[in-house]
Amino acid sequence: MSFSRRPDGELHVEDIACSELASRYGTPLYVYSRDAIENAWRAFDSALSGRPHLVCYALKANSNLAVLNLLGRLGSGFDIVSVGELARVKAAGCDLSKVVFSGVGKSPDEMATALSEGIKCFNVESVAELDALAEVASAHGAVAPVSVRINPDVDAGTHPYISTGLKENKFGIDTVSAVGAYRKIADNAHLEVTGMDCHIGSQLTDIAPYRDALKRLLKLCDSLHEQGIKIKHLDLGGGQGIRYKDEQPIDLNSWAQAMDEVLGDRDVEIIVEPGRSIVGNAGLLLTTVRYLKHSDDKNFAIVDAAMNDLIRPALYSAWQDIVPVKEASASKKLNYDIVGPVCESADFLGKDRQLAIEQDELLAVMSSGAYCFVMSSNYNSRPRAAEVIVDGGDSHIVRKRETIEELFAGESLLP
């Protein structure tokens, strides 16, 4: 197993004890399992094996070069939302012809760079963006492959901050306006219709919203086909949830079967854009208890990781399991808020956790592979944590810990 507690009570990542990793690399420390990442990607690839398909990993979940390189070796495509992410895919040695470029605010410079790199397609999210892309392609004497992102107005029942498929969300084009967008693409010599895209939200645990969204896409596809506009691929997005506490993740084979039933015998390539479901449960954050602070009203475990390292609890009120690296050495469990050193009341990793812990112990914040390091910052002038990938009995530093000097290396004093 990728994460396990051995008979001695020690939490391991693959074959290495977490305490050994903390001793070697320090804390706070992000640790990822190669085995967990690769198995999660293969699960998508296997579930869709009955149709032409491409699994495009969504970089926004975790964009470490080593993670990208691992997935690229498996044959993964990539879903990007900035030219910086495109540069990461290239630096990781991955195939740029398997890149889809999403995002509502692509600049003309970003479009030009992606066009020159030969990406698979642009997921266009507004008519204004489509006009800008046409101008860029014309200026470069090129043809831009385009997939229109549709906003199907489907309620995925997730947190409002990670809902993307409702009409009040900023993402995509409504189905009525999309018809005009596709006609505009078909009539422009520098644009080419390649596909149709849809992403309805994140951390989804129900198949029904996917099915509803796909039915709405196919209705639009049929309407376009009658007008001579053929859709070559359908991008169903990602959003499959993971288990943080007691969620029941979607069974990918059942999900794929449901999509297959709706698709029938249609001759289209299927693209999916999983991110969290590939890396979320493949990582943890190791942190050291600096101090225990007790009062009549509240007990605090003050740790060396903070909201700058892991902002999800402060941003989304997200819950992630927090466990001792070694089985309890303290005499009894107390109710703790796990807090960091940052000068904000929102600086917490977890609240009301029943833990038996002592000062200087190691804690592991589980399910920290997605939207954790990648959202970290230098708030309070705190260097960002190191990242490590464990591969069986070996560990590899894939991002060194920042130094204090690096925090202000790009700054200068006034003359």
Protein backbone atom coordinates (compact mmCIF):
# COMPACT_ATOMS: atom_id res chain seq x y z
CA MET A 1 0.00 0.00 0.00
CA SER A 2 1.12 3.55 -0.68
CA PHE A 3 0.37 4.70 2.89
CA SER A 4 0.30 2.30 5.82
CA ARG A 5 0.89 2.07 9.52
CA ARG A 6 3.35 -0.73 10.29
CA PRO A 7 3.26 -3.05 13.33
CA ASP A 8 5.62 -0.69 15.18
CA GLY A 9 2.94 2.01 14.95
CA GLU A 10 4.88 4.14 12.45
CA LEU A 11 3.19 5.69 9.42
CA HIS A 12 5.00 4.82 6.18
CA VAL A 13 4.89 6.17 2.65
CA GLU A 14 5.48 3.09 0.55
CA ASP A 15 8.52 1.52 2.27
CA ILE A 16 9.88 4.55 4.11
CA ALA A 17 8.92 5.70 7.60
CA CYS A 18 7.61 9.26 7.81
CA SER A 19 9.93 9.97 10.72
CA GLU A 20 12.90 9.04 8.53
CA LEU A 21 11.70 11.43 5.82
CA ALA A 22 11.24 14.24 8.35
CA SER A 23 14.69 13.61 9.79
CA ARG A 24 16.29 13.64 6.36
CA TYR A 25 14.47 16.59 4.78
CA GLY A 26 12.98 18.58 7.68
CA THR A 27 9.45 19.88 8.15
CA PRO A 28 7.08 21.16 6.90
CA LEU A 29 7.47 18.59 4.13
CA TYR A 30 5.21 17.49 1.31
CA VAL A 31 5.59 13.80 0.52
CA TYR A 32 4.09 12.05 -2.52
CA SER A 33 3.87 8.39 -3.45
CA ARG A 34 4.91 7.51 -6.99
CA ASP A 35 2.89 4.30 -6.82
CA ALA A 36 -0.29 6.14 -5.80
CA ILE A 37 0.05 8.74 -8.56
CA GLU A 38 0.65 6.20 -11.30
CA ASN A 39 -2.12 3.85 -10.15
CA ALA A 40 -4.64 6.69 -10.03
CA TRP A 41 -3.82 7.76 -13.60
CA ARG A 42 -3.97 4.17 -14.86
CA ALA A 43 -7.43 3.77 -13.31
CA PHE A 44 -8.78 6.49 -15.63
CA ASP A 45 -6.94 5.12 -18.64
CA SER A 46 -8.27 1.62 -17.99
CA ALA A 47 -11.86 2.75 -17.37
CA LEU A 48 -11.94 4.51 -20.76
CA SER A 49 -10.10 1.79 -22.67
CA GLY A 50 -13.18 0.85 -24.72
CA ARG A 51 -13.10 4.12 -26.67
CA PRO A 52 -10.50 6.43 -28.25
CA HIS A 53 -9.53 8.67 -25.36
CA LEU A 54 -6.94 10.91 -23.78
CA VAL A 55 -6.45 11.43 -20.05
CA CYS A 56 -5.27 15.04 -19.64
CA TYR A 57 -3.96 15.63 -16.14
CA ALA A 58 -4.99 19.05 -14.77
CA LEU A 59 -1.78 20.82 -13.71
CA LYS A 60 -3.54 23.21 -11.34
CA ALA A 61 -3.85 20.37 -8.80
CA ASN A 62 -0.09 19.83 -8.49
CA SER A 63 2.39 21.11 -11.07
CA ASN A 64 5.69 19.75 -9.75
CA LEU A 65 7.93 18.81 -12.70
CA ALA A 66 8.61 15.34 -11.34
CA VAL A 67 4.87 14.64 -11.07
CA LEU A 68 4.37 15.80 -14.66
CA ASN A 69 7.28 13.71 -15.88
CA LEU A 70 5.89 10.58 -14.22
CA LEU A 71 2.52 11.10 -15.89
CA GLY A 72 4.07 11.98 -19.23
CA ARG A 73 5.93 8.66 -19.21
CA LEU A 74 2.56 6.91 -18.86
CA GLY A 75 1.26 8.71 -21.96
CA SER A 76 -0.77 11.38 -20.21
CA GLY A 77 -2.01 14.54 -21.82
CA PHE A 78 -2.24 17.76 -19.83
CA ASP A 79 -4.88 20.38 -19.09
CA ILE A 80 -3.32 23.81 -18.55
CA VAL A 81 -4.69 27.24 -17.61
CA SER A 82 -1.64 29.47 -18.17
CA VAL A 83 1.47 29.75 -20.32
CA GLY A 84 3.47 29.10 -17.13
CA GLU A 85 1.85 25.69 -16.89
CA LEU A 86 2.64 25.09 -20.56
CA ALA A 87 6.29 25.88 -19.81
CA ARG A 88 6.19 23.33 -16.98
CA VAL A 89 4.87 20.61 -19.29
CA LYS A 90 7.67 21.40 -21.74
CA ALA A 91 10.34 21.48 -19.02
CA ALA A 92 9.12 18.09 -17.78
CA GLY A 93 9.80 16.62 -21.23
CA CYS A 94 6.16 15.85 -22.02
CA ASP A 95 4.29 15.80 -25.33
CA LEU A 96 2.89 19.27 -26.05
CA SER A 97 0.60 17.92 -28.77
CA LYS A 98 -1.44 16.36 -25.93
CA VAL A 99 -2.05 19.71 -24.19
CA VAL A 100 -5.47 21.36 -23.95
CA PHE A 101 -5.46 25.02 -22.90
CA SER A 102 -8.38 25.98 -20.63
CA GLY A 103 -9.04 29.15 -18.62
CA VAL A 104 -11.20 32.23 -19.06
CA GLY A 105 -8.46 34.86 -19.34
CA LYS A 106 -5.85 33.73 -21.86
CA SER A 107 -3.83 36.67 -23.11
CA PRO A 108 -2.87 37.12 -26.79
CA ASP A 109 0.76 36.44 -25.85
CA GLU A 110 -0.23 33.18 -24.16
CA MET A 111 -2.28 32.20 -27.20
CA ALA A 112 0.63 32.91 -29.53
CA THR A 113 3.04 30.84 -27.45
CA ALA A 114 0.66 27.89 -27.19
CA LEU A 115 -0.08 28.06 -30.92
CA SER A 116 3.62 28.01 -31.75
CA GLU A 117 4.14 24.97 -29.51
CA GLY A 118 1.53 22.93 -31.39
CA ILE A 119 -0.91 22.16 -28.59
CA LYS A 120 -3.89 19.89 -29.15
CA CYS A 121 -6.54 22.59 -28.76
CA PHE A 122 -7.73 25.75 -27.06
CA ASN A 123 -10.76 25.39 -24.80
CA VAL A 124 -12.36 28.75 -25.56
CA GLU A 125 -14.62 30.18 -22.87
CA SER A 126 -16.14 33.33 -24.39
CA VAL A 127 -16.88 34.91 -27.77
CA ALA A 128 -14.46 37.73 -26.94
CA GLU A 129 -11.71 35.18 -26.34
CA LEU A 130 -12.57 33.50 -29.64
CA ASP A 131 -12.18 36.80 -31.47
CA ALA A 132 -8.79 37.36 -29.84
CA LEU A 133 -7.63 33.87 -30.77
CA ALA A 134 -8.68 34.42 -34.39
CA GLU A 135 -6.60 37.62 -34.52
CA VAL A 136 -3.55 35.87 -33.06
CA ALA A 137 -3.83 32.93 -35.44
CA SER A 138 -4.25 35.24 -38.43
CA ALA A 139 -1.23 37.34 -37.41
CA HIS A 140 0.90 34.19 -37.26
CA GLY A 141 -0.47 32.68 -40.45
CA ALA A 142 -1.66 29.66 -38.49
CA VAL A 143 -4.84 27.70 -37.82
CA ALA A 144 -5.87 27.40 -34.17
CA PRO A 145 -7.65 24.20 -33.12
CA VAL A 146 -10.66 25.16 -31.01
CA SER A 147 -12.95 23.42 -28.56
CA VAL A 148 -15.72 25.56 -27.06
CA ARG A 149 -16.28 25.14 -23.35
CA ILE A 150 -19.99 24.81 -22.72
CA ASN A 151 -21.64 25.91 -19.51
CA PRO A 152 -24.52 23.43 -19.29
CA ASP A 153 -26.14 24.98 -16.19
CA VAL A 154 -25.87 21.71 -14.27
CA ASP A 155 -25.76 21.81 -10.47
CA ALA A 156 -23.01 19.43 -9.39
CA GLY A 157 -23.87 19.93 -5.70
CA THR A 158 -20.37 20.91 -4.62
CA HIS A 159 -18.81 23.82 -2.70
CA PRO A 160 -19.74 27.15 -4.40
CA TYR A 161 -16.06 28.08 -4.76
CA ILE A 162 -15.40 24.98 -6.88
CA SER A 163 -18.66 24.87 -8.81
CA THR A 164 -18.06 25.66 -12.48
CA GLY A 165 -21.09 24.43 -14.44
CA LEU A 166 -23.86 26.82 -13.33
CA LYS A 167 -24.98 29.82 -15.37
CA GLU A 168 -23.83 32.18 -12.60
CA ASN A 169 -20.28 30.80 -12.80
CA LYS A 170 -17.68 32.61 -14.92
CA PHE A 171 -16.77 29.54 -16.94
CA GLY A 172 -17.85 28.59 -20.43
CA ILE A 173 -20.51 29.68 -22.92
CA ASP A 174 -24.23 28.89 -22.64
CA THR A 175 -25.64 26.44 -25.14
CA VAL A 176 -27.57 29.08 -27.10
CA SER A 177 -24.56 31.38 -27.59
CA ALA A 178 -22.36 28.38 -28.37
CA VAL A 179 -24.11 27.78 -31.70
CA GLY A 180 -23.06 31.23 -32.92
CA ALA A 181 -19.53 30.64 -31.61
CA TYR A 182 -19.18 27.42 -33.58
CA ARG A 183 -20.48 29.09 -36.74
CA LYS A 184 -17.88 31.82 -36.27
CA ILE A 185 -15.13 29.19 -35.96
CA ALA A 186 -16.34 27.30 -39.03
CA ASP A 187 -16.39 30.51 -41.09
CA ASN A 188 -12.87 31.61 -40.13
CA ALA A 189 -9.93 30.28 -42.14
CA HIS A 190 -7.64 30.61 -39.12
CA LEU A 191 -9.82 28.61 -36.74
CA GLU A 192 -10.72 24.92 -36.79
CA VAL A 193 -13.51 23.17 -34.92
CA THR A 194 -12.01 20.23 -33.07
CA GLY A 195 -14.15 19.57 -30.03
CA MET A 196 -16.57 20.51 -27.29
CA ASP A 197 -15.59 20.93 -23.64
CA CYS A 198 -17.44 20.87 -20.35
CA HIS A 199 -16.31 20.95 -16.71
CA ILE A 200 -19.05 21.20 -14.09
CA GLY A 201 -17.15 21.36 -10.82
CA SER A 202 -14.70 19.72 -8.47
CA GLN A 203 -14.85 17.11 -5.69
CA LEU A 204 -17.93 15.43 -7.23
CA THR A 205 -19.13 12.14 -5.76
CA ASP A 206 -22.20 11.51 -7.92
CA ILE A 207 -22.37 10.25 -11.50
CA ALA A 208 -25.73 11.87 -12.29
CA PRO A 209 -24.41 15.42 -12.97
CA TYR A 210 -21.89 14.01 -15.46
CA ARG A 211 -24.65 12.14 -17.25
CA ASP A 212 -26.89 15.21 -17.36
CA ALA A 213 -24.11 17.43 -18.68
CA LEU A 214 -23.14 14.93 -21.39
CA LYS A 215 -26.74 14.68 -22.59
CA ARG A 216 -26.85 18.45 -22.99
CA LEU A 217 -23.55 18.42 -24.90
CA LEU A 218 -24.79 15.73 -27.27
CA LYS A 219 -27.98 17.64 -27.98
CA LEU A 220 -25.83 20.59 -29.01
CA CYS A 221 -23.55 18.32 -31.05
CA ASP A 222 -26.56 17.02 -32.97
CA SER A 223 -27.74 20.55 -33.69
CA LEU A 224 -24.29 21.51 -34.98
CA HIS A 225 -24.02 18.36 -37.07
CA GLU A 226 -27.24 19.32 -38.87
CA GLN A 227 -25.47 22.56 -39.82
CA GLY A 228 -22.44 20.72 -41.16
CA ILE A 229 -20.23 21.28 -38.11
CA LYS A 230 -18.61 18.07 -36.86
CA ILE A 231 -17.27 17.63 -33.33
CA LYS A 232 -14.18 15.40 -33.27
CA HIS A 233 -13.73 15.09 -29.52
CA LEU A 234 -15.77 15.58 -26.38
CA ASP A 235 -13.89 16.84 -23.33
CA LEU A 236 -15.86 15.80 -20.24
CA GLY A 237 -13.62 17.67 -17.79
CA GLY A 238 -12.63 16.22 -14.45
CA GLY A 239 -13.82 16.89 -10.93
CA GLN A 240 -14.05 13.33 -9.63
CA GLY A 241 -13.87 13.57 -5.85
CA ILE A 242 -11.53 11.86 -3.41
CA ARG A 243 -11.97 10.71 0.17
CA TYR A 244 -10.92 13.28 2.76
CA LYS A 245 -13.17 12.05 5.57
CA ASP A 246 -16.22 9.93 4.80
CA GLU A 247 -16.87 10.76 1.12
CA GLN A 248 -17.63 7.90 -1.26
CA PRO A 249 -15.63 8.56 -4.43
CA ILE A 250 -17.12 7.72 -7.80
CA ASP A 251 -16.33 4.24 -9.09
CA LEU A 252 -14.52 5.07 -12.31
CA ASN A 253 -15.64 1.96 -14.16
CA SER A 254 -19.28 2.74 -13.33
CA TRP A 255 -18.76 6.36 -14.36
CA ALA A 256 -17.19 5.33 -17.67
CA GLN A 257 -19.99 2.84 -18.31
CA ALA A 258 -22.60 5.52 -17.67
CA MET A 259 -20.84 7.87 -20.11
CA ASP A 260 -20.60 5.05 -22.64
CA GLU A 261 -24.33 4.37 -22.42
CA VAL A 262 -25.14 8.02 -23.13
CA LEU A 263 -22.61 8.23 -25.98
CA GLY A 264 -23.84 5.10 -27.72
CA ASP A 265 -22.10 4.49 -31.05
CA ARG A 266 -20.94 8.07 -31.61
CA ASP A 267 -17.54 8.31 -33.28
CA VAL A 268 -15.76 10.80 -31.03
CA GLU A 269 -12.58 10.84 -28.98
CA ILE A 270 -13.18 11.27 -25.26
CA ILE A 271 -10.92 13.61 -23.26
CA VAL A 272 -11.01 13.85 -19.47
CA GLU A 273 -9.19 16.32 -17.22
CA PRO A 274 -8.69 14.75 -13.76
CA GLY A 275 -6.42 16.53 -11.31
CA ARG A 276 -7.35 16.07 -7.65
CA SER A 277 -8.36 12.45 -8.24
CA ILE A 278 -4.87 11.66 -9.61
CA VAL A 279 -2.74 13.27 -6.91
CA GLY A 280 -4.98 14.23 -3.99
CA ASN A 281 -4.71 11.03 -1.99
CA ALA A 282 -1.15 10.47 -3.20
CA GLY A 283 0.38 13.02 -0.83
CA LEU A 284 0.67 14.10 2.78
CA LEU A 285 2.13 17.06 4.64
CA LEU A 286 4.48 16.33 7.53
CA THR A 287 4.61 18.92 10.30
CA THR A 288 6.21 19.09 13.75
CA VAL A 289 4.38 20.05 16.93
CA ARG A 290 6.30 23.03 18.28
CA TYR A 291 4.23 23.79 21.36
CA LEU A 292 1.10 22.63 23.15
CA LYS A 293 -1.00 25.41 24.64
CA HIS A 294 -3.74 24.52 27.12
CA SER A 295 -6.47 26.63 28.69
CA ASP A 296 -9.88 26.07 30.24
CA ASP A 297 -11.54 26.95 26.93
CA LYS A 298 -9.31 25.56 24.21
CA ASN A 299 -6.28 23.38 23.53
CA PHE A 300 -3.92 24.34 20.73
CA ALA A 301 -1.26 22.30 19.00
CA ILE A 302 1.03 24.89 17.41
CA VAL A 303 2.84 23.29 14.48
CA ASP A 304 5.52 24.46 12.06
CA ALA A 305 3.23 24.28 9.01
CA ALA A 306 0.85 27.17 8.47
CA MET A 307 -1.81 28.57 6.16
CA ASN A 308 0.91 29.72 3.77
CA ASP A 309 1.85 26.04 3.37
CA LEU A 310 -1.72 24.70 3.26
CA ILE A 311 -4.50 27.24 2.69
CA ARG A 312 -7.40 24.89 1.93
CA PRO A 313 -8.82 24.89 5.50
CA ALA A 314 -8.78 28.71 5.65
CA LEU A 315 -10.01 29.19 2.07
CA TYR A 316 -12.67 26.49 1.76
CA SER A 317 -13.19 25.38 5.38
CA ALA A 318 -11.75 22.16 3.98
CA TRP A 319 -11.32 19.13 6.23
CA GLN A 320 -8.24 16.92 5.96
CA ASP A 321 -7.41 14.10 8.32
CA ILE A 322 -4.54 14.85 10.74
CA VAL A 323 -2.86 11.90 12.41
CA PRO A 324 0.23 11.30 14.56
CA VAL A 325 3.10 9.78 12.61
CA LYS A 326 3.65 7.40 15.52
CA GLU A 327 0.89 5.87 17.56
CA ALA A 328 -0.08 7.89 20.61
CA SER A 329 2.62 8.38 23.20
CA ALA A 330 0.65 10.86 25.31
CA SER A 331 -1.53 9.47 28.07
CA LYS A 332 -4.92 10.59 26.78
CA LYS A 333 -6.64 12.32 23.88
CA LEU A 334 -7.60 15.96 24.08
CA ASN A 335 -9.56 18.18 21.74
CA TYR A 336 -7.05 20.30 19.78
CA ASP A 337 -7.08 23.02 17.18
CA ILE A 338 -4.04 22.45 14.96
CA VAL A 339 -2.68 25.91 14.22
CA GLY A 340 0.40 27.46 12.64
CA PRO A 341 2.73 30.39 13.39
CA VAL A 342 1.16 32.85 10.91
CA CYS A 343 -0.41 35.97 12.45
CA GLU A 344 -3.97 35.27 11.34
CA SER A 345 -6.86 33.67 13.22
CA ALA A 346 -7.57 31.81 9.97
CA ASP A 347 -4.19 30.08 10.31
CA PHE A 348 -5.34 26.57 11.13
CA LEU A 349 -4.91 23.15 9.55
CA GLY A 350 -7.71 21.54 11.51
CA LYS A 351 -10.07 22.26 14.37
CA ASP A 352 -11.56 20.10 17.11
CA ARG A 353 -9.36 17.07 16.54
CA GLN A 354 -9.17 14.37 19.19
CA LEU A 355 -5.46 13.65 19.50
CA ALA A 356 -3.05 12.23 22.05
CA ILE A 357 0.13 14.16 21.25
CA GLU A 358 3.18 15.70 22.84
CA GLN A 359 5.54 18.52 21.96
CA ASP A 360 8.05 17.74 19.17
CA GLU A 361 5.92 14.93 17.75
CA LEU A 362 5.29 14.62 14.03
CA LEU A 363 1.82 14.95 12.54
CA ALA A 364 0.73 14.01 9.02
CA VAL A 365 -1.95 16.01 7.22
CA MET A 366 -3.40 13.43 4.86
CA SER A 367 -4.76 13.84 1.33
CA SER A 368 -2.36 16.71 0.64
CA GLY A 369 -1.36 15.94 -2.93
CA ALA A 370 -3.78 18.35 -4.63
CA TYR A 371 -4.33 22.08 -4.19
CA CYS A 372 -1.89 22.18 -1.32
CA PHE A 373 1.72 23.00 -2.20
CA VAL A 374 0.58 24.51 -5.49
CA MET A 375 -1.47 27.11 -3.58
CA SER A 376 1.24 27.85 -1.02
CA SER A 377 2.71 31.32 -0.57
CA ASN A 378 5.42 33.27 1.23
CA TYR A 379 3.02 35.10 3.54
CA ASN A 380 4.78 36.33 6.71
CA SER A 381 8.02 35.90 4.69
CA ARG A 382 7.96 32.16 5.24
CA PRO A 383 9.98 29.98 2.83
CA ARG A 384 7.90 27.36 1.07
CA ALA A 385 8.21 23.71 2.05
CA ALA A 386 10.25 21.05 0.29
CA GLU A 387 8.62 18.32 -1.83
CA VAL A 388 9.69 14.67 -1.93
CA ILE A 389 8.55 11.69 -3.99
CA VAL A 390 8.87 8.22 -2.50
CA ASP A 391 9.46 5.33 -4.88
CA GLY A 392 9.44 2.06 -2.95
CA GLY A 393 12.42 2.25 -0.60
CA ASP A 394 13.90 5.34 -2.24
CA SER A 395 13.06 9.01 -1.74
CA HIS A 396 13.86 11.86 -4.09
CA ILE A 397 13.83 15.56 -3.34
CA VAL A 398 11.83 17.09 -6.21
CA ARG A 399 11.73 20.65 -4.87
CA LYS A 400 14.28 21.93 -2.40
CA ARG A 401 13.17 23.97 0.58
CA GLU A 402 13.27 27.69 -0.14
CA THR A 403 15.81 29.79 1.70
CA ILE A 404 15.11 33.12 3.34
CA GLU A 405 17.50 34.81 0.88
CA GLU A 406 15.44 33.51 -2.04
CA LEU A 407 12.36 35.29 -0.66
CA PHE A 408 13.68 38.71 -1.65
CA ALA A 409 16.17 37.79 -4.39
CA GLY A 410 14.12 39.69 -6.99
CA GLU A 411 13.68 42.83 -4.88
CA SER A 412 15.82 45.95 -4.77
CA LEU A 413 16.25 49.09 -2.68
CA LEU A 414 15.52 52.57 -3.93
CA PRO A 415 18.62 54.57 -5.02
